[in-house]
Amino acid sequence: SYVDSVKGRFSISRDNTKATVYLQMDNLKVEDTAVYYCA
């Protein structure tokens, strides 16, 4: 799922064999500036 503000720009994926989740962020905007957390 994605919040509307990032739909079409961000993509989430996971590789359970590497125990890692990714967030690909494209076409970044100034308003994307923030501290990003995974949970």
PDB file of all heavy atoms in Angstrom:
ATOM      1  N   SER A   1       0.843  -1.191   0.000  1.00  0.00           N
ATOM      2  CA  SER A   1       0.000   0.000   0.000  1.00  0.00           C
ATOM      3  C   SER A   1       0.875   1.237   0.000  1.00  0.00           C
ATOM      4  O   SER A   1       2.024   1.204   0.450  1.00  0.00           O
ATOM      5  CB  SER A   1      -0.930   0.004   1.215  1.00  0.00           C
ATOM      6  OG  SER A   1      -0.176   0.113   2.409  1.00  0.00           O
ATOM      7  N   TYR A   2       0.310   2.333  -0.504  1.00  0.00           N
ATOM      8  CA  TYR A   2       1.027   3.601  -0.585  1.00  0.00           C
ATOM      9  C   TYR A   2       0.072   4.734  -0.232  1.00  0.00           C
ATOM     10  O   TYR A   2      -1.098   4.712  -0.603  1.00  0.00           O
ATOM     11  CB  TYR A   2       1.570   3.838  -1.993  1.00  0.00           C
ATOM     12  CG  TYR A   2       2.530   2.789  -2.480  1.00  0.00           C
ATOM     13  CD1 TYR A   2       2.081   1.682  -3.202  1.00  0.00           C
ATOM     14  CD2 TYR A   2       3.894   2.891  -2.216  1.00  0.00           C
ATOM     15  CE1 TYR A   2       2.960   0.715  -3.641  1.00  0.00           C
ATOM     16  CE2 TYR A   2       4.784   1.928  -2.664  1.00  0.00           C
ATOM     17  CZ  TYR A   2       4.311   0.845  -3.377  1.00  0.00           C
ATOM     18  OH  TYR A   2       5.190  -0.112  -3.813  1.00  0.00           O
ATOM     19  N   VAL A   3       0.604   5.730   0.433  1.00  0.00           N
ATOM     20  CA  VAL A   3      -0.172   6.940   0.659  1.00  0.00           C
ATOM     21  C   VAL A   3      -0.221   7.708  -0.666  1.00  0.00           C
ATOM     22  O   VAL A   3       0.677   7.579  -1.508  1.00  0.00           O
ATOM     23  CB  VAL A   3       0.473   7.785   1.777  1.00  0.00           C
ATOM     24  CG1 VAL A   3       1.795   8.370   1.340  1.00  0.00           C
ATOM     25  CG2 VAL A   3      -0.466   8.841   2.286  1.00  0.00           C
ATOM     26  N   ASP A   4      -1.266   8.476  -0.870  1.00  0.00           N
ATOM     27  CA  ASP A   4      -1.467   9.141  -2.152  1.00  0.00           C
ATOM     28  C   ASP A   4      -0.284  10.022  -2.566  1.00  0.00           C
ATOM     29  O   ASP A   4       0.051  10.117  -3.749  1.00  0.00           O
ATOM     30  CB  ASP A   4      -2.741   9.995  -2.105  1.00  0.00           C
ATOM     31  CG  ASP A   4      -3.994   9.151  -2.175  1.00  0.00           C
ATOM     32  OD1 ASP A   4      -3.901   7.947  -2.510  1.00  0.00           O
ATOM     33  OD2 ASP A   4      -5.075   9.683  -1.884  1.00  0.00           O
ATOM     34  N   SER A   5       0.363  10.667  -1.601  1.00  0.00           N
ATOM     35  CA  SER A   5       1.420  11.624  -1.923  1.00  0.00           C
ATOM     36  C   SER A   5       2.654  10.970  -2.542  1.00  0.00           C
ATOM     37  O   SER A   5       3.488  11.663  -3.135  1.00  0.00           O
ATOM     38  CB  SER A   5       1.818  12.412  -0.677  1.00  0.00           C
ATOM     39  OG  SER A   5       2.297  11.539   0.331  1.00  0.00           O
ATOM     40  N   VAL A   6       2.786   9.655  -2.418  1.00  0.00           N
ATOM     41  CA  VAL A   6       3.972   8.986  -2.974  1.00  0.00           C
ATOM     42  C   VAL A   6       3.625   7.954  -4.046  1.00  0.00           C
ATOM     43  O   VAL A   6       4.534   7.356  -4.640  1.00  0.00           O
ATOM     44  CB  VAL A   6       4.830   8.318  -1.867  1.00  0.00           C
ATOM     45  CG1 VAL A   6       5.181   9.337  -0.792  1.00  0.00           C
ATOM     46  CG2 VAL A   6       4.125   7.108  -1.276  1.00  0.00           C
ATOM     47  N   LYS A   7       2.346   7.736  -4.286  1.00  0.00           N
ATOM     48  CA  LYS A   7       1.950   6.765  -5.316  1.00  0.00           C
ATOM     49  C   LYS A   7       2.539   7.156  -6.665  1.00  0.00           C
ATOM     50  O   LYS A   7       2.497   8.304  -7.072  1.00  0.00           O
ATOM     51  CB  LYS A   7       0.423   6.712  -5.419  1.00  0.00           C
ATOM     52  CG  LYS A   7      -0.237   5.840  -4.377  1.00  0.00           C
ATOM     53  CD  LYS A   7      -1.744   5.801  -4.576  1.00  0.00           C
ATOM     54  CE  LYS A   7      -2.414   4.975  -3.502  1.00  0.00           C
ATOM     55  NZ  LYS A   7      -3.887   4.985  -3.630  1.00  0.00           N
ATOM     56  N   GLY A   8       3.085   6.162  -7.343  1.00  0.00           N
ATOM     57  CA  GLY A   8       3.692   6.410  -8.647  1.00  0.00           C
ATOM     58  C   GLY A   8       5.122   6.894  -8.583  1.00  0.00           C
ATOM     59  O   GLY A   8       5.808   6.941  -9.607  1.00  0.00           O
ATOM     60  N   ARG A   9       5.583   7.275  -7.391  1.00  0.00           N
ATOM     61  CA  ARG A   9       6.973   7.742  -7.236  1.00  0.00           C
ATOM     62  C   ARG A   9       7.796   6.809  -6.354  1.00  0.00           C
ATOM     63  O   ARG A   9       8.989   6.650  -6.571  1.00  0.00           O
ATOM     64  CB  ARG A   9       6.984   9.146  -6.623  1.00  0.00           C
ATOM     65  CG  ARG A   9       6.281  10.191  -7.439  1.00  0.00           C
ATOM     66  CD  ARG A   9       6.545  11.594  -6.904  1.00  0.00           C
ATOM     67  NE  ARG A   9       6.082  11.769  -5.534  1.00  0.00           N
ATOM     68  CZ  ARG A   9       6.871  12.158  -4.514  1.00  0.00           C
ATOM     69  NH1 ARG A   9       8.153  12.382  -4.724  1.00  0.00           N
ATOM     70  NH2 ARG A   9       6.370  12.331  -3.317  1.00  0.00           N
ATOM     71  N   PHE A  10       7.169   6.224  -5.347  1.00  0.00           N
ATOM     72  CA  PHE A  10       7.861   5.333  -4.416  1.00  0.00           C
ATOM     73  C   PHE A  10       7.415   3.896  -4.662  1.00  0.00           C
ATOM     74  O   PHE A  10       6.266   3.637  -5.021  1.00  0.00           O
ATOM     75  CB  PHE A  10       7.537   5.699  -2.970  1.00  0.00           C
ATOM     76  CG  PHE A  10       8.125   7.008  -2.489  1.00  0.00           C
ATOM     77  CD1 PHE A  10       8.698   7.924  -3.362  1.00  0.00           C
ATOM     78  CD2 PHE A  10       8.096   7.327  -1.132  1.00  0.00           C
ATOM     79  CE1 PHE A  10       9.219   9.125  -2.912  1.00  0.00           C
ATOM     80  CE2 PHE A  10       8.623   8.514  -0.664  1.00  0.00           C
ATOM     81  CZ  PHE A  10       9.179   9.412  -1.558  1.00  0.00           C
ATOM     82  N   SER A  11       8.348   2.976  -4.422  1.00  0.00           N
ATOM     83  CA  SER A  11       8.036   1.561  -4.588  1.00  0.00           C
ATOM     84  C   SER A  11       8.683   0.771  -3.461  1.00  0.00           C
ATOM     85  O   SER A  11       9.883   0.906  -3.207  1.00  0.00           O
ATOM     86  CB  SER A  11       8.553   1.068  -5.937  1.00  0.00           C
ATOM     87  OG  SER A  11       8.309  -0.315  -6.084  1.00  0.00           O
ATOM     88  N   ILE A  12       7.865  -0.039  -2.788  1.00  0.00           N
ATOM     89  CA  ILE A  12       8.367  -0.850  -1.676  1.00  0.00           C
ATOM     90  C   ILE A  12       8.563  -2.282  -2.150  1.00  0.00           C
ATOM     91  O   ILE A  12       7.799  -2.800  -2.964  1.00  0.00           O
ATOM     92  CB  ILE A  12       7.388  -0.780  -0.476  1.00  0.00           C
ATOM     93  CG1 ILE A  12       8.020  -1.342   0.780  1.00  0.00           C
ATOM     94  CG2 ILE A  12       6.078  -1.497  -0.795  1.00  0.00           C
ATOM     95  CD1 ILE A  12       7.206  -1.071   2.053  1.00  0.00           C
ATOM     96  N   SER A  13       9.610  -2.910  -1.643  1.00  0.00           N
ATOM     97  CA  SER A  13       9.875  -4.306  -1.973  1.00  0.00           C
ATOM     98  C   SER A  13      10.613  -4.953  -0.810  1.00  0.00           C
ATOM     99  O   SER A  13      11.098  -4.263   0.091  1.00  0.00           O
ATOM    100  CB  SER A  13      10.699  -4.418  -3.262  1.00  0.00           C
ATOM    101  OG  SER A  13      11.962  -3.796  -3.102  1.00  0.00           O
ATOM    102  N   ARG A  14      10.688  -6.267  -0.841  1.00  0.00           N
ATOM    103  CA  ARG A  14      11.399  -6.959   0.233  1.00  0.00           C
ATOM    104  C   ARG A  14      12.109  -8.175  -0.322  1.00  0.00           C
ATOM    105  O   ARG A  14      11.667  -8.792  -1.289  1.00  0.00           O
ATOM    106  CB  ARG A  14      10.437  -7.360   1.349  1.00  0.00           C
ATOM    107  CG  ARG A  14       9.388  -8.387   0.989  1.00  0.00           C
ATOM    108  CD  ARG A  14       8.334  -8.505   2.111  1.00  0.00           C
ATOM    109  NE  ARG A  14       8.933  -9.005   3.337  1.00  0.00           N
ATOM    110  CZ  ARG A  14       8.426  -8.758   4.561  1.00  0.00           C
ATOM    111  NH1 ARG A  14       7.332  -8.036   4.687  1.00  0.00           N
ATOM    112  NH2 ARG A  14       9.017  -9.254   5.630  1.00  0.00           N
ATOM    113  N   ASP A  15      13.211  -8.505   0.315  1.00  0.00           N
ATOM    114  CA  ASP A  15      13.955  -9.715   0.010  1.00  0.00           C
ATOM    115  C   ASP A  15      14.143 -10.434   1.345  1.00  0.00           C
ATOM    116  O   ASP A  15      15.058 -10.112   2.110  1.00  0.00           O
ATOM    117  CB  ASP A  15      15.298  -9.369  -0.631  1.00  0.00           C
ATOM    118  CG  ASP A  15      16.061 -10.606  -1.086  1.00  0.00           C
ATOM    119  OD1 ASP A  15      15.746 -11.717  -0.592  1.00  0.00           O
ATOM    120  OD2 ASP A  15      16.972 -10.462  -1.904  1.00  0.00           O
ATOM    121  N   ASN A  16      13.277 -11.376   1.611  1.00  0.00           N
ATOM    122  CA  ASN A  16      13.330 -12.055   2.906  1.00  0.00           C
ATOM    123  C   ASN A  16      14.600 -12.878   3.067  1.00  0.00           C
ATOM    124  O   ASN A  16      15.060 -13.106   4.185  1.00  0.00           O
ATOM    125  CB  ASN A  16      12.092 -12.929   3.096  1.00  0.00           C
ATOM    126  CG  ASN A  16      10.837 -12.105   3.359  1.00  0.00           C
ATOM    127  OD1 ASN A  16      10.914 -10.960   3.799  1.00  0.00           O
ATOM    128  ND2 ASN A  16       9.682 -12.680   3.072  1.00  0.00           N
ATOM    129  N   THR A  17      15.206 -13.314   1.971  1.00  0.00           N
ATOM    130  CA  THR A  17      16.444 -14.086   2.072  1.00  0.00           C
ATOM    131  C   THR A  17      17.595 -13.204   2.555  1.00  0.00           C
ATOM    132  O   THR A  17      18.549 -13.689   3.158  1.00  0.00           O
ATOM    133  CB  THR A  17      16.815 -14.713   0.729  1.00  0.00           C
ATOM    134  OG1 THR A  17      17.081 -13.677  -0.223  1.00  0.00           O
ATOM    135  CG2 THR A  17      15.690 -15.590   0.205  1.00  0.00           C
ATOM    136  N   LYS A  18      17.492 -11.905   2.264  1.00  0.00           N
ATOM    137  CA  LYS A  18      18.506 -10.957   2.730  1.00  0.00           C
ATOM    138  C   LYS A  18      18.029 -10.188   3.967  1.00  0.00           C
ATOM    139  O   LYS A  18      18.734  -9.293   4.448  1.00  0.00           O
ATOM    140  CB  LYS A  18      18.856  -9.966   1.618  1.00  0.00           C
ATOM    141  CG  LYS A  18      19.516 -10.610   0.413  1.00  0.00           C
ATOM    142  CD  LYS A  18      19.880  -9.570  -0.641  1.00  0.00           C
ATOM    143  CE  LYS A  18      20.580 -10.223  -1.826  1.00  0.00           C
ATOM    144  NZ  LYS A  18      20.930  -9.232  -2.882  1.00  0.00           N
ATOM    145  N   ALA A  19      16.824 -10.514   4.418  1.00  0.00           N
ATOM    146  CA  ALA A  19      16.248  -9.849   5.597  1.00  0.00           C
ATOM    147  C   ALA A  19      16.263  -8.334   5.428  1.00  0.00           C
ATOM    148  O   ALA A  19      16.601  -7.582   6.355  1.00  0.00           O
ATOM    149  CB  ALA A  19      16.994 -10.251   6.867  1.00  0.00           C
ATOM    150  N   THR A  20      15.867  -7.887   4.263  1.00  0.00           N
ATOM    151  CA  THR A  20      15.923  -6.455   3.957  1.00  0.00           C
ATOM    152  C   THR A  20      14.666  -6.023   3.202  1.00  0.00           C
ATOM    153  O   THR A  20      14.177  -6.754   2.333  1.00  0.00           O
ATOM    154  CB  THR A  20      17.171  -6.119   3.131  1.00  0.00           C
ATOM    155  OG1 THR A  20      18.334  -6.543   3.844  1.00  0.00           O
ATOM    156  CG2 THR A  20      17.274  -4.618   2.872  1.00  0.00           C
ATOM    157  N   VAL A  21      14.186  -4.846   3.559  1.00  0.00           N
ATOM    158  CA  VAL A  21      13.083  -4.214   2.851  1.00  0.00           C
ATOM    159  C   VAL A  21      13.603  -2.918   2.257  1.00  0.00           C
ATOM    160  O   VAL A  21      14.415  -2.223   2.877  1.00  0.00           O
ATOM    161  CB  VAL A  21      11.900  -3.949   3.800  1.00  0.00           C
ATOM    162  CG1 VAL A  21      10.801  -3.159   3.101  1.00  0.00           C
ATOM    163  CG2 VAL A  21      11.354  -5.262   4.329  1.00  0.00           C
ATOM    164  N   TYR A  22      13.136  -2.612   1.056  1.00  0.00           N
ATOM    165  CA  TYR A  22      13.630  -1.453   0.333  1.00  0.00           C
ATOM    166  C   TYR A  22      12.489  -0.464   0.070  1.00  0.00           C
ATOM    167  O   TYR A  22      11.326  -0.844  -0.077  1.00  0.00           O
ATOM    168  CB  TYR A  22      14.229  -1.880  -1.008  1.00  0.00           C
ATOM    169  CG  TYR A  22      15.308  -2.915  -0.886  1.00  0.00           C
ATOM    170  CD1 TYR A  22      15.022  -4.272  -1.065  1.00  0.00           C
ATOM    171  CD2 TYR A  22      16.614  -2.557  -0.582  1.00  0.00           C
ATOM    172  CE1 TYR A  22      16.004  -5.232  -0.945  1.00  0.00           C
ATOM    173  CE2 TYR A  22      17.611  -3.514  -0.463  1.00  0.00           C
ATOM    174  CZ  TYR A  22      17.296  -4.853  -0.653  1.00  0.00           C
ATOM    175  OH  TYR A  22      18.279  -5.798  -0.526  1.00  0.00           O
ATOM    176  N   LEU A  23      12.867   0.797  -0.037  1.00  0.00           N
ATOM    177  CA  LEU A  23      11.948   1.822  -0.509  1.00  0.00           C
ATOM    178  C   LEU A  23      12.661   2.598  -1.607  1.00  0.00           C
ATOM    179  O   LEU A  23      13.582   3.377  -1.329  1.00  0.00           O
ATOM    180  CB  LEU A  23      11.522   2.762   0.616  1.00  0.00           C
ATOM    181  CG  LEU A  23      10.448   3.781   0.221  1.00  0.00           C
ATOM    182  CD1 LEU A  23       9.110   3.061  -0.047  1.00  0.00           C
ATOM    183  CD2 LEU A  23      10.258   4.841   1.310  1.00  0.00           C
ATOM    184  N   GLN A  24      12.264   2.326  -2.835  1.00  0.00           N
ATOM    185  CA  GLN A  24      12.807   3.056  -3.984  1.00  0.00           C
ATOM    186  C   GLN A  24      12.023   4.351  -4.131  1.00  0.00           C
ATOM    187  O   GLN A  24      10.795   4.324  -4.269  1.00  0.00           O
ATOM    188  CB  GLN A  24      12.684   2.208  -5.247  1.00  0.00           C
ATOM    189  CG  GLN A  24      13.160   2.910  -6.503  1.00  0.00           C
ATOM    190  CD  GLN A  24      14.649   3.172  -6.515  1.00  0.00           C
ATOM    191  OE1 GLN A  24      15.441   2.327  -6.078  1.00  0.00           O
ATOM    192  NE2 GLN A  24      15.055   4.347  -7.006  1.00  0.00           N
ATOM    193  N   MET A  25      12.727   5.467  -4.118  1.00  0.00           N
ATOM    194  CA  MET A  25      12.085   6.775  -4.185  1.00  0.00           C
ATOM    195  C   MET A  25      12.575   7.502  -5.428  1.00  0.00           C
ATOM    196  O   MET A  25      13.777   7.802  -5.548  1.00  0.00           O
ATOM    197  CB  MET A  25      12.407   7.587  -2.929  1.00  0.00           C
ATOM    198  CG  MET A  25      12.066   6.868  -1.631  1.00  0.00           C
ATOM    199  SD  MET A  25      12.238   7.909  -0.180  1.00  0.00           S
ATOM    200  CE  MET A  25      13.996   8.261  -0.214  1.00  0.00           C
ATOM    201  N   ASP A  26      11.679   7.759  -6.338  1.00  0.00           N
ATOM    202  CA  ASP A  26      11.997   8.440  -7.590  1.00  0.00           C
ATOM    203  C   ASP A  26      11.272   9.770  -7.660  1.00  0.00           C
ATOM    204  O   ASP A  26      10.302  10.008  -6.942  1.00  0.00           O
ATOM    205  CB  ASP A  26      11.603   7.557  -8.772  1.00  0.00           C
ATOM    206  CG  ASP A  26      12.350   6.248  -8.816  1.00  0.00           C
ATOM    207  OD1 ASP A  26      13.558   6.247  -8.527  1.00  0.00           O
ATOM    208  OD2 ASP A  26      11.728   5.215  -9.147  1.00  0.00           O
ATOM    209  N   ASN A  27      11.748  10.638  -8.560  1.00  0.00           N
ATOM    210  CA  ASN A  27      11.137  11.955  -8.748  1.00  0.00           C
ATOM    211  C   ASN A  27      10.923  12.653  -7.402  1.00  0.00           C
ATOM    212  O   ASN A  27       9.827  13.141  -7.102  1.00  0.00           O
ATOM    213  CB  ASN A  27       9.803  11.812  -9.483  1.00  0.00           C
ATOM    214  CG  ASN A  27       9.254  13.143  -9.936  1.00  0.00           C
ATOM    215  OD1 ASN A  27       9.992  14.121 -10.088  1.00  0.00           O
ATOM    216  ND2 ASN A  27       7.948  13.196 -10.155  1.00  0.00           N
ATOM    217  N   LEU A  28      11.979  12.709  -6.624  1.00  0.00           N
ATOM    218  CA  LEU A  28      11.873  13.277  -5.289  1.00  0.00           C
ATOM    219  C   LEU A  28      11.591  14.767  -5.348  1.00  0.00           C
ATOM    220  O   LEU A  28      12.058  15.487  -6.249  1.00  0.00           O
ATOM    221  CB  LEU A  28      13.145  13.005  -4.499  1.00  0.00           C
ATOM    222  CG  LEU A  28      13.248  11.573  -3.953  1.00  0.00           C
ATOM    223  CD1 LEU A  28      14.674  11.222  -3.601  1.00  0.00           C
ATOM    224  CD2 LEU A  28      12.338  11.398  -2.757  1.00  0.00           C
ATOM    225  N   LYS A  29      10.828  15.229  -4.376  1.00  0.00           N
ATOM    226  CA  LYS A  29      10.429  16.625  -4.275  1.00  0.00           C
ATOM    227  C   LYS A  29      10.959  17.224  -2.985  1.00  0.00           C
ATOM    228  O   LYS A  29      11.269  16.496  -2.024  1.00  0.00           O
ATOM    229  CB  LYS A  29       8.907  16.724  -4.300  1.00  0.00           C
ATOM    230  CG  LYS A  29       8.261  16.081  -5.515  1.00  0.00           C
ATOM    231  CD  LYS A  29       6.749  16.146  -5.435  1.00  0.00           C
ATOM    232  CE  LYS A  29       6.110  15.481  -6.649  1.00  0.00           C
ATOM    233  NZ  LYS A  29       4.630  15.538  -6.598  1.00  0.00           N
ATOM    234  N   VAL A  30      11.044  18.534  -2.945  1.00  0.00           N
ATOM    235  CA  VAL A  30      11.533  19.210  -1.742  1.00  0.00           C
ATOM    236  C   VAL A  30      10.703  18.808  -0.529  1.00  0.00           C
ATOM    237  O   VAL A  30      11.233  18.602   0.571  1.00  0.00           O
ATOM    238  CB  VAL A  30      11.505  20.734  -1.939  1.00  0.00           C
ATOM    239  CG1 VAL A  30      11.811  21.448  -0.630  1.00  0.00           C
ATOM    240  CG2 VAL A  30      12.480  21.147  -3.029  1.00  0.00           C
ATOM    241  N   GLU A  31       9.417  18.626  -0.741  1.00  0.00           N
ATOM    242  CA  GLU A  31       8.532  18.276   0.387  1.00  0.00           C
ATOM    243  C   GLU A  31       8.712  16.836   0.880  1.00  0.00           C
ATOM    244  O   GLU A  31       8.096  16.442   1.859  1.00  0.00           O
ATOM    245  CB  GLU A  31       7.062  18.521   0.018  1.00  0.00           C
ATOM    246  CG  GLU A  31       6.629  17.893  -1.281  1.00  0.00           C
ATOM    247  CD  GLU A  31       6.689  18.873  -2.449  1.00  0.00           C
ATOM    248  OE1 GLU A  31       7.673  19.648  -2.535  1.00  0.00           O
ATOM    249  OE2 GLU A  31       5.770  18.831  -3.289  1.00  0.00           O
ATOM    250  N   ASP A  32       9.560  16.066   0.203  1.00  0.00           N
ATOM    251  CA  ASP A  32       9.876  14.717   0.687  1.00  0.00           C
ATOM    252  C   ASP A  32      10.969  14.753   1.760  1.00  0.00           C
ATOM    253  O   ASP A  32      11.292  13.717   2.349  1.00  0.00           O
ATOM    254  CB  ASP A  32      10.339  13.827  -0.460  1.00  0.00           C
ATOM    255  CG  ASP A  32       9.232  13.529  -1.448  1.00  0.00           C
ATOM    256  OD1 ASP A  32       8.090  13.283  -1.010  1.00  0.00           O
ATOM    257  OD2 ASP A  32       9.515  13.533  -2.669  1.00  0.00           O
ATOM    258  N   THR A  33      11.537  15.910   2.008  1.00  0.00           N
ATOM    259  CA  THR A  33      12.576  16.039   3.013  1.00  0.00           C
ATOM    260  C   THR A  33      12.034  15.674   4.386  1.00  0.00           C
ATOM    261  O   THR A  33      11.027  16.226   4.840  1.00  0.00           O
ATOM    262  CB  THR A  33      13.127  17.477   3.038  1.00  0.00           C
ATOM    263  OG1 THR A  33      13.761  17.751   1.789  1.00  0.00           O
ATOM    264  CG2 THR A  33      14.121  17.668   4.169  1.00  0.00           C
ATOM    265  N   ALA A  34      12.697  14.728   5.037  1.00  0.00           N
ATOM    266  CA  ALA A  34      12.238  14.241   6.344  1.00  0.00           C
ATOM    267  C   ALA A  34      13.209  13.171   6.838  1.00  0.00           C
ATOM    268  O   ALA A  34      14.103  12.743   6.108  1.00  0.00           O
ATOM    269  CB  ALA A  34      10.833  13.643   6.237  1.00  0.00           C
ATOM    270  N   VAL A  35      13.010  12.757   8.069  1.00  0.00           N
ATOM    271  CA  VAL A  35      13.658  11.550   8.574  1.00  0.00           C
ATOM    272  C   VAL A  35      12.742  10.372   8.252  1.00  0.00           C
ATOM    273  O   VAL A  35      11.538  10.424   8.555  1.00  0.00           O
ATOM    274  CB  VAL A  35      13.928  11.633  10.080  1.00  0.00           C
ATOM    275  CG1 VAL A  35      14.566  10.333  10.580  1.00  0.00           C
ATOM    276  CG2 VAL A  35      14.829  12.824  10.401  1.00  0.00           C
ATOM    277  N   TYR A  36      13.307   9.359   7.638  1.00  0.00           N
ATOM    278  CA  TYR A  36      12.542   8.194   7.207  1.00  0.00           C
ATOM    279  C   TYR A  36      12.826   7.022   8.149  1.00  0.00           C
ATOM    280  O   TYR A  36      13.988   6.729   8.464  1.00  0.00           O
ATOM    281  CB  TYR A  36      12.905   7.824   5.771  1.00  0.00           C
ATOM    282  CG  TYR A  36      12.280   8.744   4.757  1.00  0.00           C
ATOM    283  CD1 TYR A  36      12.669  10.080   4.668  1.00  0.00           C
ATOM    284  CD2 TYR A  36      11.283   8.297   3.888  1.00  0.00           C
ATOM    285  CE1 TYR A  36      12.082  10.946   3.756  1.00  0.00           C
ATOM    286  CE2 TYR A  36      10.692   9.147   2.969  1.00  0.00           C
ATOM    287  CZ  TYR A  36      11.098  10.466   2.903  1.00  0.00           C
ATOM    288  OH  TYR A  36      10.514  11.321   2.003  1.00  0.00           O
ATOM    289  N   TYR A  37      11.754   6.371   8.562  1.00  0.00           N
ATOM    290  CA  TYR A  37      11.836   5.250   9.489  1.00  0.00           C
ATOM    291  C   TYR A  37      11.186   4.015   8.880  1.00  0.00           C
ATOM    292  O   TYR A  37      10.160   4.126   8.193  1.00  0.00           O
ATOM    293  CB  TYR A  37      11.092   5.560  10.786  1.00  0.00           C
ATOM    294  CG  TYR A  37      11.574   6.765  11.541  1.00  0.00           C
ATOM    295  CD1 TYR A  37      11.049   8.024  11.281  1.00  0.00           C
ATOM    296  CD2 TYR A  37      12.534   6.642  12.537  1.00  0.00           C
ATOM    297  CE1 TYR A  37      11.474   9.135  11.977  1.00  0.00           C
ATOM    298  CE2 TYR A  37      12.970   7.747  13.248  1.00  0.00           C
ATOM    299  CZ  TYR A  37      12.436   8.995  12.966  1.00  0.00           C
ATOM    300  OH  TYR A  37      12.867  10.090  13.669  1.00  0.00           O
ATOM    301  N   CYS A  38      11.756   2.847   9.155  1.00  0.00           N
ATOM    302  CA  CYS A  38      11.024   1.626   8.871  1.00  0.00           C
ATOM    303  C   CYS A  38      10.544   1.044  10.197  1.00  0.00           C
ATOM    304  O   CYS A  38      11.144   1.277  11.256  1.00  0.00           O
ATOM    305  CB  CYS A  38      11.861   0.616   8.101  1.00  0.00           C
ATOM    306  SG  CYS A  38      13.343   0.005   8.929  1.00  0.00           S
ATOM    307  N   ALA A  39       9.456   0.321  10.119  1.00  0.00           N
ATOM    308  CA  ALA A  39       8.844  -0.263  11.308  1.00  0.00           C
ATOM    309  C   ALA A  39       8.312  -1.643  10.962  1.00  0.00           C
ATOM    310  O   ALA A  39       7.939  -1.908   9.813  1.00  0.00           O
ATOM    311  CB  ALA A  39       7.726   0.632  11.822  1.00  0.00           C
TER     312      ALA A  39
END
